[in-house]
PDB file of N, CA and C in Angstrom:
ATOM      1  N   MET A   1     -30.384  -6.444 -34.623  1.00  0.00           N
ATOM      2  CA  MET A   1     -29.331  -6.185 -34.586  1.00  0.00           C
ATOM      3  C   MET A   1     -28.378  -7.905 -34.000  1.00  0.00           C
ATOM      4  N   LYS A   2     -29.015  -8.692 -33.370  1.00  0.00           N
ATOM      5  CA  LYS A   2     -29.320  -9.749 -32.445  1.00  0.00           C
ATOM      6  C   LYS A   2     -28.752 -10.862 -33.194  1.00  0.00           C
ATOM      7  N   ARG A   3     -29.997 -10.691 -34.704  1.00  0.00           N
ATOM      8  CA  ARG A   3     -29.662 -11.799 -35.642  1.00  0.00           C
ATOM      9  C   ARG A   3     -27.867 -11.645 -36.197  1.00  0.00           C
ATOM     10  N   PHE A   4     -27.633 -10.202 -36.642  1.00  0.00           N
ATOM     11  CA  PHE A   4     -26.504  -9.991 -37.305  1.00  0.00           C
ATOM     12  C   PHE A   4     -25.411 -10.411 -36.535  1.00  0.00           C
ATOM     13  N   ARG A   5     -25.516 -10.466 -35.461  1.00  0.00           N
ATOM     14  CA  ARG A   5     -24.332 -10.611 -34.797  1.00  0.00           C
ATOM     15  C   ARG A   5     -23.891 -11.959 -34.815  1.00  0.00           C
ATOM     16  N   ALA A   6     -24.905 -12.791 -34.498  1.00  0.00           N
ATOM     17  CA  ALA A   6     -25.342 -13.932 -34.483  1.00  0.00           C
ATOM     18  C   ALA A   6     -25.098 -14.483 -35.613  1.00  0.00           C
ATOM     19  N   ARG A   7     -25.475 -14.093 -36.616  1.00  0.00           N
ATOM     20  CA  ARG A   7     -25.142 -14.948 -38.204  1.00  0.00           C
ATOM     21  C   ARG A   7     -23.059 -14.198 -37.404  1.00  0.00           C
ATOM     22  N   LYS A   8     -22.660 -13.531 -38.149  1.00  0.00           N
ATOM     23  CA  LYS A   8     -21.510 -13.101 -37.786  1.00  0.00           C
ATOM     24  C   LYS A   8     -20.737 -14.184 -37.443  1.00  0.00           C
ATOM     25  N   ILE A   9     -21.146 -14.350 -36.613  1.00  0.00           N
ATOM     26  CA  ILE A   9     -20.374 -15.425 -35.014  1.00  0.00           C
ATOM     27  C   ILE A   9     -20.241 -16.432 -36.000  1.00  0.00           C
ATOM     28  N   ALA A  10     -21.528 -16.276 -36.463  1.00  0.00           N
ATOM     29  CA  ALA A  10     -21.336 -18.599 -37.327  1.00  0.00           C
ATOM     30  C   ALA A  10     -20.595 -18.479 -38.027  1.00  0.00           C
ATOM     31  N   GLY A  11     -20.754 -17.317 -38.873  1.00  0.00           N
ATOM     32  CA  GLY A  11     -19.702 -17.393 -40.051  1.00  0.00           C
ATOM     33  C   GLY A  11     -18.242 -17.476 -39.653  1.00  0.00           C
ATOM     34  N   VAL A  12     -17.741 -17.237 -39.135  1.00  0.00           N
ATOM     35  CA  VAL A  12     -16.340 -17.122 -38.514  1.00  0.00           C
ATOM     36  C   VAL A  12     -16.373 -18.493 -37.976  1.00  0.00           C
ATOM     37  N   ILE A  13     -17.371 -18.829 -37.066  1.00  0.00           N
ATOM     38  CA  ILE A  13     -16.758 -20.292 -36.894  1.00  0.00           C
ATOM     39  C   ILE A  13     -16.872 -21.215 -37.816  1.00  0.00           C
ATOM     40  N   CYS A  14     -17.668 -21.134 -39.213  1.00  0.00           N
ATOM     41  CA  CYS A  14     -17.343 -22.034 -39.917  1.00  0.00           C
ATOM     42  C   CYS A  14     -16.680 -21.748 -41.308  1.00  0.00           C
ATOM     43  N   LEU A  15     -15.552 -20.336 -41.177  1.00  0.00           N
ATOM     44  CA  LEU A  15     -14.719 -19.485 -41.726  1.00  0.00           C
ATOM     45  C   LEU A  15     -13.155 -21.279 -40.899  1.00  0.00           C
ATOM     46  N   VAL A  16     -13.231 -21.487 -39.556  1.00  0.00           N
ATOM     47  CA  VAL A  16     -12.070 -21.652 -38.979  1.00  0.00           C
ATOM     48  C   VAL A  16     -12.648 -22.940 -38.822  1.00  0.00           C
ATOM     49  N   ILE A  17     -13.273 -23.034 -39.418  1.00  0.00           N
ATOM     50  CA  ILE A  17     -12.944 -24.736 -39.124  1.00  0.00           C
ATOM     51  C   ILE A  17     -13.206 -25.230 -40.971  1.00  0.00           C
ATOM     52  N   ALA A  18     -13.733 -24.952 -41.338  1.00  0.00           N
ATOM     53  CA  ALA A  18     -13.247 -25.193 -43.453  1.00  0.00           C
ATOM     54  C   ALA A  18     -11.707 -24.822 -43.271  1.00  0.00           C
ATOM     55  N   GLY A  19     -11.321 -23.766 -42.239  1.00  0.00           N
ATOM     56  CA  GLY A  19      -9.508 -23.127 -43.031  1.00  0.00           C
ATOM     57  C   GLY A  19      -9.052 -24.329 -42.300  1.00  0.00           C
ATOM     58  N   VAL A  20      -9.411 -25.248 -41.536  1.00  0.00           N
ATOM     59  CA  VAL A  20      -9.319 -26.002 -40.228  1.00  0.00           C
ATOM     60  C   VAL A  20      -8.692 -27.107 -41.279  1.00  0.00           C
ATOM     61  N   ILE A  21     -10.032 -27.261 -41.649  1.00  0.00           N
ATOM     62  CA  ILE A  21      -9.788 -28.984 -42.866  1.00  0.00           C
ATOM     63  C   ILE A  21      -9.034 -28.649 -43.437  1.00  0.00           C
ATOM     64  N   ALA A  22      -9.258 -27.257 -43.989  1.00  0.00           N
ATOM     65  CA  ALA A  22      -8.311 -27.560 -45.319  1.00  0.00           C
ATOM     66  C   ALA A  22      -6.740 -26.993 -45.169  1.00  0.00           C
ATOM     67  N   PHE A  23      -6.037 -26.622 -44.307  1.00  0.00           N
ATOM     68  CA  PHE A  23      -4.344 -26.454 -44.122  1.00  0.00           C
ATOM     69  C   PHE A  23      -4.315 -28.393 -43.590  1.00  0.00           C
ATOM     70  N   GLY A  24      -5.242 -29.562 -42.581  1.00  0.00           N
ATOM     71  CA  GLY A  24      -4.991 -30.272 -42.639  1.00  0.00           C
ATOM     72  C   GLY A  24      -5.494 -31.542 -43.780  1.00  0.00           C
ATOM     73  N   ILE A  25      -6.085 -30.618 -44.781  1.00  0.00           N
ATOM     74  CA  ILE A  25      -5.402 -32.429 -46.027  1.00  0.00           C
ATOM     75  C   ILE A  25      -4.143 -31.636 -47.200  1.00  0.00           C
ATOM     76  N   ILE A  26      -4.122 -30.434 -47.071  1.00  0.00           N
ATOM     77  CA  ILE A  26      -3.067 -29.438 -47.434  1.00  0.00           C
ATOM     78  C   ILE A  26      -1.900 -30.167 -46.703  1.00  0.00           C
ATOM     79  N   VAL A  27      -1.418 -30.488 -45.741  1.00  0.00           N
ATOM     80  CA  VAL A  27      -0.271 -31.105 -44.980  1.00  0.00           C
ATOM     81  C   VAL A  27      -0.512 -32.675 -44.934  1.00  0.00           C
ATOM     82  N   MET A  28      -1.717 -33.182 -45.107  1.00  0.00           N
ATOM     83  CA  MET A  28      -1.697 -34.537 -45.034  1.00  0.00           C
ATOM     84  C   MET A  28      -1.294 -34.891 -46.081  1.00  0.00           C
ATOM     85  N   LEU A  29      -1.616 -34.846 -47.669  1.00  0.00           N
ATOM     86  CA  LEU A  29      -1.872 -34.295 -49.078  1.00  0.00           C
ATOM     87  C   LEU A  29       0.034 -33.812 -48.802  1.00  0.00           C
ATOM     88  N   LEU A  30       0.529 -33.073 -48.480  1.00  0.00           N
ATOM     89  CA  LEU A  30       1.878 -32.942 -48.663  1.00  0.00           C
ATOM     90  C   LEU A  30       3.457 -33.743 -47.965  1.00  0.00           C
ATOM     91  N   TRP A  31       2.226 -34.062 -46.984  1.00  0.00           N
ATOM     92  CA  TRP A  31       2.817 -35.680 -46.157  1.00  0.00           C
ATOM     93  C   TRP A  31       3.015 -36.496 -47.215  1.00  0.00           C
ATOM     94  N   ASN A  32       2.000 -37.070 -47.389  1.00  0.00           N
ATOM     95  CA  ASN A  32       1.763 -38.279 -48.298  1.00  0.00           C
ATOM     96  C   ASN A  32       2.586 -38.686 -49.243  1.00  0.00           C
ATOM     97  N   ALA A  33       1.984 -37.368 -49.959  1.00  0.00           N
ATOM     98  CA  ALA A  33       3.089 -36.958 -51.949  1.00  0.00           C
ATOM     99  C   ALA A  33       4.396 -37.267 -51.475  1.00  0.00           C
ATOM    100  N   LEU A  34       4.999 -36.428 -50.386  1.00  0.00           N
ATOM    101  CA  LEU A  34       6.570 -36.345 -50.434  1.00  0.00           C
ATOM    102  C   LEU A  34       7.232 -36.908 -50.045  1.00  0.00           C
ATOM    103  N   MET A  35       6.948 -37.651 -48.261  1.00  0.00           N
ATOM    104  CA  MET A  35       8.087 -37.859 -47.457  1.00  0.00           C
ATOM    105  C   MET A  35       8.120 -39.404 -47.038  1.00  0.00           C
ATOM    106  N   PRO A  36       6.812 -39.998 -47.994  1.00  0.00           N
ATOM    107  CA  PRO A  36       6.935 -41.807 -48.135  1.00  0.00           C
ATOM    108  C   PRO A  36       8.215 -41.854 -49.200  1.00  0.00           C
ATOM    109  N   GLU A  37       8.407 -41.179 -50.338  1.00  0.00           N
ATOM    110  CA  GLU A  37       9.232 -41.225 -51.459  1.00  0.00           C
ATOM    111  C   GLU A  37      10.369 -41.299 -51.217  1.00  0.00           C
ATOM    112  N   ILE A  38      10.602 -39.681 -50.557  1.00  0.00           N
ATOM    113  CA  ILE A  38      11.408 -39.281 -49.977  1.00  0.00           C
ATOM    114  C   ILE A  38      12.419 -40.181 -48.662  1.00  0.00           C
ATOM    115  N   PHE A  39      11.824 -40.564 -47.512  1.00  0.00           N
ATOM    116  CA  PHE A  39      12.576 -40.091 -46.246  1.00  0.00           C
ATOM    117  C   PHE A  39      12.009 -42.020 -46.081  1.00  0.00           C
ATOM    118  N   HIS A  40      10.592 -42.383 -47.059  1.00  0.00           N
ATOM    119  CA  HIS A  40      10.467 -43.770 -46.645  1.00  0.00           C
ATOM    120  C   HIS A  40       9.619 -44.250 -45.179  1.00  0.00           C
ATOM    121  N   LEU A  41       9.414 -43.255 -44.783  1.00  0.00           N
ATOM    122  CA  LEU A  41       7.842 -42.705 -44.014  1.00  0.00           C
ATOM    123  C   LEU A  41       7.185 -43.933 -44.531  1.00  0.00           C
ATOM    124  N   PRO A  42       5.740 -43.450 -42.918  1.00  0.00           N
ATOM    125  CA  PRO A  42       4.566 -44.160 -43.366  1.00  0.00           C
ATOM    126  C   PRO A  42       4.171 -42.930 -43.754  1.00  0.00           C
ATOM    127  N   THR A  43       2.836 -43.266 -44.588  1.00  0.00           N
ATOM    128  CA  THR A  43       1.530 -41.550 -45.175  1.00  0.00           C
ATOM    129  C   THR A  43       1.177 -41.906 -43.968  1.00  0.00           C
ATOM    130  N   ILE A  44      -0.067 -40.627 -43.401  1.00  0.00           N
ATOM    131  CA  ILE A  44      -0.249 -40.260 -42.551  1.00  0.00           C
ATOM    132  C   ILE A  44      -2.125 -39.766 -42.738  1.00  0.00           C
ATOM    133  N   SER A  45      -2.526 -39.997 -41.783  1.00  0.00           N
ATOM    134  CA  SER A  45      -4.267 -39.938 -41.689  1.00  0.00           C
ATOM    135  C   SER A  45      -4.461 -38.562 -41.690  1.00  0.00           C
ATOM    136  N   PHE A  46      -5.944 -38.293 -41.590  1.00  0.00           N
ATOM    137  CA  PHE A  46      -5.940 -37.150 -41.886  1.00  0.00           C
ATOM    138  C   PHE A  46      -6.278 -36.091 -40.090  1.00  0.00           C
ATOM    139  N   TRP A  47      -6.312 -37.167 -39.041  1.00  0.00           N
ATOM    140  CA  TRP A  47      -6.021 -36.945 -37.517  1.00  0.00           C
ATOM    141  C   TRP A  47      -4.735 -36.371 -37.204  1.00  0.00           C
ATOM    142  N   GLN A  48      -3.351 -36.802 -37.970  1.00  0.00           N
ATOM    143  CA  GLN A  48      -2.691 -37.150 -38.211  1.00  0.00           C
ATOM    144  C   GLN A  48      -1.824 -36.004 -38.782  1.00  0.00           C
ATOM    145  N   ALA A  49      -2.108 -35.690 -39.757  1.00  0.00           N
ATOM    146  CA  ALA A  49      -1.500 -34.349 -40.103  1.00  0.00           C
ATOM    147  C   ALA A  49      -2.191 -32.842 -40.088  1.00  0.00           C
ATOM    148  N   LEU A  50      -3.273 -33.125 -38.455  1.00  0.00           N
ATOM    149  CA  LEU A  50      -3.797 -32.037 -38.333  1.00  0.00           C
ATOM    150  C   LEU A  50      -3.010 -31.815 -36.240  1.00  0.00           C
ATOM    151  N   GLY A  51      -2.277 -33.183 -36.108  1.00  0.00           N
ATOM    152  CA  GLY A  51      -1.951 -32.670 -34.879  1.00  0.00           C
ATOM    153  C   GLY A  51      -0.096 -32.248 -35.248  1.00  0.00           C
ATOM    154  N   LEU A  52       0.444 -33.311 -36.610  1.00  0.00           N
ATOM    155  CA  LEU A  52       1.619 -32.317 -37.282  1.00  0.00           C
ATOM    156  C   LEU A  52       1.311 -31.123 -36.760  1.00  0.00           C
ATOM    157  N   PHE A  53       0.229 -30.410 -37.991  1.00  0.00           N
ATOM    158  CA  PHE A  53      -0.267 -29.055 -38.558  1.00  0.00           C
ATOM    159  C   PHE A  53       0.437 -28.651 -36.725  1.00  0.00           C
ATOM    160  N   LEU A  54      -0.487 -28.658 -36.218  1.00  0.00           N
ATOM    161  CA  LEU A  54      -0.277 -28.048 -34.983  1.00  0.00           C
ATOM    162  C   LEU A  54       0.901 -28.405 -34.112  1.00  0.00           C
ATOM    163  N   LEU A  55       1.653 -29.789 -33.925  1.00  0.00           N
ATOM    164  CA  LEU A  55       2.525 -29.039 -33.573  1.00  0.00           C
ATOM    165  C   LEU A  55       3.761 -28.167 -33.982  1.00  0.00           C
ATOM    166  N   ALA A  56       3.439 -28.398 -34.897  1.00  0.00           N
ATOM    167  CA  ALA A  56       4.122 -27.127 -36.022  1.00  0.00           C
ATOM    168  C   ALA A  56       4.292 -26.095 -35.294  1.00  0.00           C
ATOM    169  N   LYS A  57       2.967 -25.796 -35.368  1.00  0.00           N
ATOM    170  CA  LYS A  57       2.820 -24.061 -35.022  1.00  0.00           C
ATOM    171  C   LYS A  57       3.164 -24.127 -33.515  1.00  0.00           C
ATOM    172  N   ILE A  58       3.182 -24.738 -32.674  1.00  0.00           N
ATOM    173  CA  ILE A  58       3.712 -25.059 -31.788  1.00  0.00           C
ATOM    174  C   ILE A  58       4.636 -24.435 -31.634  1.00  0.00           C
ATOM    175  N   LEU A  59       6.065 -25.413 -32.392  1.00  0.00           N
ATOM    176  CA  LEU A  59       7.012 -25.197 -32.121  1.00  0.00           C
ATOM    177  C   LEU A  59       8.079 -23.840 -32.839  1.00  0.00           C
ATOM    178  N   PHE A  60       7.381 -23.398 -33.818  1.00  0.00           N
ATOM    179  CA  PHE A  60       7.663 -22.766 -34.502  1.00  0.00           C
ATOM    180  C   PHE A  60       7.230 -21.167 -34.747  1.00  0.00           C
ATOM    181  N   SER A  61       5.877 -21.394 -33.859  1.00  0.00           N
ATOM    182  CA  SER A  61       5.587 -19.281 -33.671  1.00  0.00           C
ATOM    183  C   SER A  61       5.121 -19.493 -32.231  1.00  0.00           C
ATOM    184  N   GLY A  62       4.640 -20.475 -31.828  1.00  0.00           N
ATOM    185  CA  GLY A  62       4.272 -20.460 -30.750  1.00  0.00           C
ATOM    186  C   GLY A  62       2.599 -20.267 -30.422  1.00  0.00           C
ATOM    187  N   PHE A  63       2.345 -19.745 -29.643  1.00  0.00           N
ATOM    188  CA  PHE A  63       0.557 -19.642 -28.827  1.00  0.00           C
ATOM    189  C   PHE A  63       0.528 -17.854 -29.233  1.00  0.00           C
ATOM    190  N   ARG A  64       1.053 -17.164 -29.333  1.00  0.00           N
ATOM    191  CA  ARG A  64       1.455 -15.939 -29.220  1.00  0.00           C
ATOM    192  C   ARG A  64       0.680 -15.396 -31.272  1.00  0.00           C
ATOM    193  N   GLY A  65       1.253 -16.691 -31.919  1.00  0.00           N
ATOM    194  CA  GLY A  65       0.691 -16.001 -33.581  1.00  0.00           C
ATOM    195  C   GLY A  65       1.493 -15.027 -34.362  1.00  0.00           C
ATOM    196  N   GLY A  66       2.464 -14.372 -34.122  1.00  0.00           N
ATOM    197  CA  GLY A  66       3.557 -13.635 -34.363  1.00  0.00           C
ATOM    198  C   GLY A  66       4.316 -14.229 -34.995  1.00  0.00           C
ATOM    199  N   GLY A  67       5.470 -14.989 -34.529  1.00  0.00           N
ATOM    200  CA  GLY A  67       5.978 -15.513 -34.831  1.00  0.00           C
ATOM    201  C   GLY A  67       7.311 -15.133 -35.581  1.00  0.00           C
ATOM    202  N   PRO A  68       8.381 -15.143 -36.460  1.00  0.00           N
ATOM    203  CA  PRO A  68       9.398 -14.105 -36.663  1.00  0.00           C
ATOM    204  C   PRO A  68       9.475 -13.049 -37.209  1.00  0.00           C
ATOM    205  N   ARG A  69       8.308 -12.112 -37.849  1.00  0.00           N
ATOM    206  CA  ARG A  69       7.796 -11.452 -38.270  1.00  0.00           C
ATOM    207  C   ARG A  69       6.897 -10.558 -36.812  1.00  0.00           C
ATOM    208  N   GLY A  70       6.444 -11.338 -35.890  1.00  0.00           N
ATOM    209  CA  GLY A  70       6.070 -10.384 -34.556  1.00  0.00           C
ATOM    210  C   GLY A  70       7.134 -10.417 -33.654  1.00  0.00           C
ATOM    211  N   ARG A  71       8.550 -10.608 -33.882  1.00  0.00           N
ATOM    212  CA  ARG A  71       9.679 -10.558 -33.035  1.00  0.00           C
ATOM    213  C   ARG A  71      10.156  -9.034 -33.531  1.00  0.00           C
ATOM    214  N   MET A  72      10.117  -9.369 -35.089  1.00  0.00           N
ATOM    215  CA  MET A  72      11.010  -8.303 -35.684  1.00  0.00           C
ATOM    216  C   MET A  72       9.828  -7.105 -35.982  1.00  0.00           C
ATOM    217  N   LYS A  73       8.882  -7.449 -35.487  1.00  0.00           N
ATOM    218  CA  LYS A  73       8.096  -6.011 -35.220  1.00  0.00           C
ATOM    219  C   LYS A  73       8.249  -5.842 -33.791  1.00  0.00           C
ATOM    220  N   ASP A  74       8.552  -6.692 -32.723  1.00  0.00           N
ATOM    221  CA  ASP A  74       8.588  -5.698 -30.835  1.00  0.00           C
ATOM    222  C   ASP A  74      10.363  -5.999 -31.185  1.00  0.00           C
ATOM    223  N   LYS A  75      10.765  -5.817 -32.167  1.00  0.00           N
ATOM    224  CA  LYS A  75      12.814  -4.675 -31.931  1.00  0.00           C
ATOM    225  C   LYS A  75      11.800  -3.768 -33.039  1.00  0.00           C
ATOM    226  N   LEU A  76      11.706  -3.375 -33.703  1.00  0.00           N
ATOM    227  CA  LEU A  76      11.803  -2.616 -34.552  1.00  0.00           C
ATOM    228  C   LEU A  76      10.989  -1.736 -33.148  1.00  0.00           C
ATOM    229  N   ARG A  77       9.826  -2.334 -32.657  1.00  0.00           N
ATOM    230  CA  ARG A  77       9.211  -1.285 -31.783  1.00  0.00           C
ATOM    231  C   ARG A  77      10.111  -0.518 -30.762  1.00  0.00           C
ATOM    232  N   GLU A  78      11.302  -1.162 -30.388  1.00  0.00           N
ATOM    233  CA  GLU A  78      12.165  -1.144 -29.624  1.00  0.00           C
ATOM    234  C   GLU A  78      12.641  -0.047 -29.825  1.00  0.00           C
ATOM    235  N   LYS A  79      13.410  -0.383 -30.955  1.00  0.00           N
ATOM    236  CA  LYS A  79      14.404   0.989 -31.638  1.00  0.00           C
ATOM    237  C   LYS A  79      13.502   2.179 -31.769  1.00  0.00           C
ATOM    238  N   TRP A  80      12.760   2.458 -32.149  1.00  0.00           N
ATOM    239  CA  TRP A  80      11.777   3.073 -32.735  1.00  0.00           C
ATOM    240  C   TRP A  80      11.268   3.847 -31.050  1.00  0.00           C
ATOM    241  N   MET A  81      10.930   3.027 -30.071  1.00  0.00           N
ATOM    242  CA  MET A  81      11.258   3.676 -28.659  1.00  0.00           C
ATOM    243  C   MET A  81      12.521   4.564 -28.325  1.00  0.00           C
ATOM    244  N   THR A  82      14.167   4.211 -28.848  1.00  0.00           N
ATOM    245  CA  THR A  82      14.708   4.646 -27.711  1.00  0.00           C
ATOM    246  C   THR A  82      15.716   5.854 -29.058  1.00  0.00           C
ATOM    247  N   MET A  83      14.685   5.996 -29.877  1.00  0.00           N
ATOM    248  CA  MET A  83      15.390   7.112 -31.297  1.00  0.00           C
ATOM    249  C   MET A  83      14.938   8.665 -30.321  1.00  0.00           C
ATOM    250  N   THR A  84      15.532   9.086 -31.079  1.00  0.00           N
ATOM    251  CA  THR A  84      15.230  10.787 -30.631  1.00  0.00           C
ATOM    252  C   THR A  84      14.411  11.463 -32.013  1.00  0.00           C
ATOM    253  N   PRO A  85      13.380  12.441 -31.721  1.00  0.00           N
ATOM    254  CA  PRO A  85      12.529  13.284 -32.742  1.00  0.00           C
ATOM    255  C   PRO A  85      13.308  13.684 -34.010  1.00  0.00           C
ATOM    256  N   GLU A  86      15.106  13.604 -34.620  1.00  0.00           N
ATOM    257  CA  GLU A  86      15.620  13.649 -35.107  1.00  0.00           C
ATOM    258  C   GLU A  86      15.378  12.376 -35.893  1.00  0.00           C
ATOM    259  N   GLU A  87      15.668  11.358 -35.291  1.00  0.00           N
ATOM    260  CA  GLU A  87      16.181  10.439 -36.002  1.00  0.00           C
ATOM    261  C   GLU A  87      14.452   9.201 -36.672  1.00  0.00           C
ATOM    262  N   ARG A  88      14.045   9.530 -35.739  1.00  0.00           N
ATOM    263  CA  ARG A  88      12.689   9.115 -36.782  1.00  0.00           C
ATOM    264  C   ARG A  88      12.164  10.097 -37.198  1.00  0.00           C
ATOM    265  N   GLU A  89      12.776  10.903 -37.176  1.00  0.00           N
ATOM    266  CA  GLU A  89      11.904  12.211 -38.510  1.00  0.00           C
ATOM    267  C   GLU A  89      12.655  11.694 -41.012  1.00  0.00           C
ATOM    268  N   LYS A  90      13.876  11.383 -40.030  1.00  0.00           N
ATOM    269  CA  LYS A  90      14.791  10.645 -41.184  1.00  0.00           C
ATOM    270  C   LYS A  90      14.412   9.565 -41.408  1.00  0.00           C
ATOM    271  N   PHE A  91      13.937   8.074 -40.428  1.00  0.00           N
ATOM    272  CA  PHE A  91      13.432   7.341 -40.401  1.00  0.00           C
ATOM    273  C   PHE A  91      12.551   6.968 -41.241  1.00  0.00           C
ATOM    274  N   LYS A  92      11.583   7.450 -40.602  1.00  0.00           N
ATOM    275  CA  LYS A  92       9.622   8.457 -41.870  1.00  0.00           C
ATOM    276  C   LYS A  92      10.463   8.378 -43.586  1.00  0.00           C
ATOM    277  N   GLN A  93      11.155   9.687 -43.499  1.00  0.00           N
ATOM    278  CA  GLN A  93      11.491   9.556 -44.946  1.00  0.00           C
ATOM    279  C   GLN A  93      11.996   8.867 -45.875  1.00  0.00           C
ATOM    280  N   ASP A  94      13.083   8.231 -44.979  1.00  0.00           N
ATOM    281  CA  ASP A  94      13.902   6.958 -46.125  1.00  0.00           C
ATOM    282  C   ASP A  94      12.918   6.059 -45.546  1.00  0.00           C
ATOM    283  N   TRP A  95      11.815   5.236 -45.209  1.00  0.00           N
ATOM    284  CA  TRP A  95      10.539   4.300 -44.902  1.00  0.00           C
ATOM    285  C   TRP A  95       9.884   4.959 -45.695  1.00  0.00           C
ATOM    286  N   GLY A  96       9.168   6.386 -45.618  1.00  0.00           N
ATOM    287  CA  GLY A  96       8.851   6.679 -46.635  1.00  0.00           C
ATOM    288  C   GLY A  96       8.055   6.503 -48.288  1.00  0.00           C
ATOM    289  N   GLY A  97       9.928   7.041 -48.468  1.00  0.00           N
ATOM    290  CA  GLY A  97      10.354   7.525 -49.999  1.00  0.00           C
ATOM    291  C   GLY A  97       9.743   5.655 -50.844  1.00  0.00           C
ATOM    292  N   ARG A  98      10.711   4.243 -49.782  1.00  0.00           N
ATOM    293  CA  ARG A  98      10.100   2.564 -50.253  1.00  0.00           C
ATOM    294  C   ARG A  98       9.377   2.047 -49.997  1.00  0.00           C
ATOM    295  N   CYS A  99       8.249   3.391 -49.356  1.00  0.00           N
ATOM    296  CA  CYS A  99       6.993   2.503 -49.763  1.00  0.00           C
ATOM    297  C   CYS A  99       6.235   3.320 -50.393  1.00  0.00           C
ATOM    298  N   GLY A 100       6.890   3.935 -51.636  1.00  0.00           N
ATOM    299  CA  GLY A 100       6.039   4.359 -52.592  1.00  0.00           C
ATOM    300  C   GLY A 100       5.627   5.377 -51.749  1.00  0.00           C
ATOM    301  N   ARG A 101       5.536   6.216 -51.346  1.00  0.00           N
ATOM    302  CA  ARG A 101       4.510   7.364 -50.196  1.00  0.00           C
ATOM    303  C   ARG A 101       5.205   8.565 -50.445  1.00  0.00           C
ATOM    304  N   GLU A 102       4.652   9.287 -51.084  1.00  0.00           N
ATOM    305  CA  GLU A 102       6.219  11.271 -50.517  1.00  0.00           C
ATOM    306  C   GLU A 102       5.663  11.659 -49.987  1.00  0.00           C
ATOM    307  N   ARG A 103       6.407  11.559 -48.841  1.00  0.00           N
ATOM    308  CA  ARG A 103       6.824  13.107 -47.202  1.00  0.00           C
ATOM    309  C   ARG A 103       6.415  14.961 -48.150  1.00  0.00           C
ATOM    310  N   VAL A 104       5.446  15.105 -47.276  1.00  0.00           N
ATOM    311  CA  VAL A 104       5.261  16.749 -47.695  1.00  0.00           C
ATOM    312  C   VAL A 104       5.790  17.313 -46.169  1.00  0.00           C
TER     313      VAL A 104
END
């Protein structure tokens, strides 16, 4: 059981590292393909691309990770809490039909 847990943790760590490297490469390639040509900016290195990606993450979604969708979810949850039981049932019926589910 401990080996499985250790493998799982090692696998997650490897996936995170691979994801960070992939995002860094993607940001670097996109920047170097577009920005020097369009805005006459210098090309950037892999590490600068990672820094730029981290800065964008902090500025646009913060550390919470929710981003705009997370805030919409919070607003929807707040609205749900203020609804009456009748309004909740009507909401369920309306959205249940939109999501392809039939309410019985």
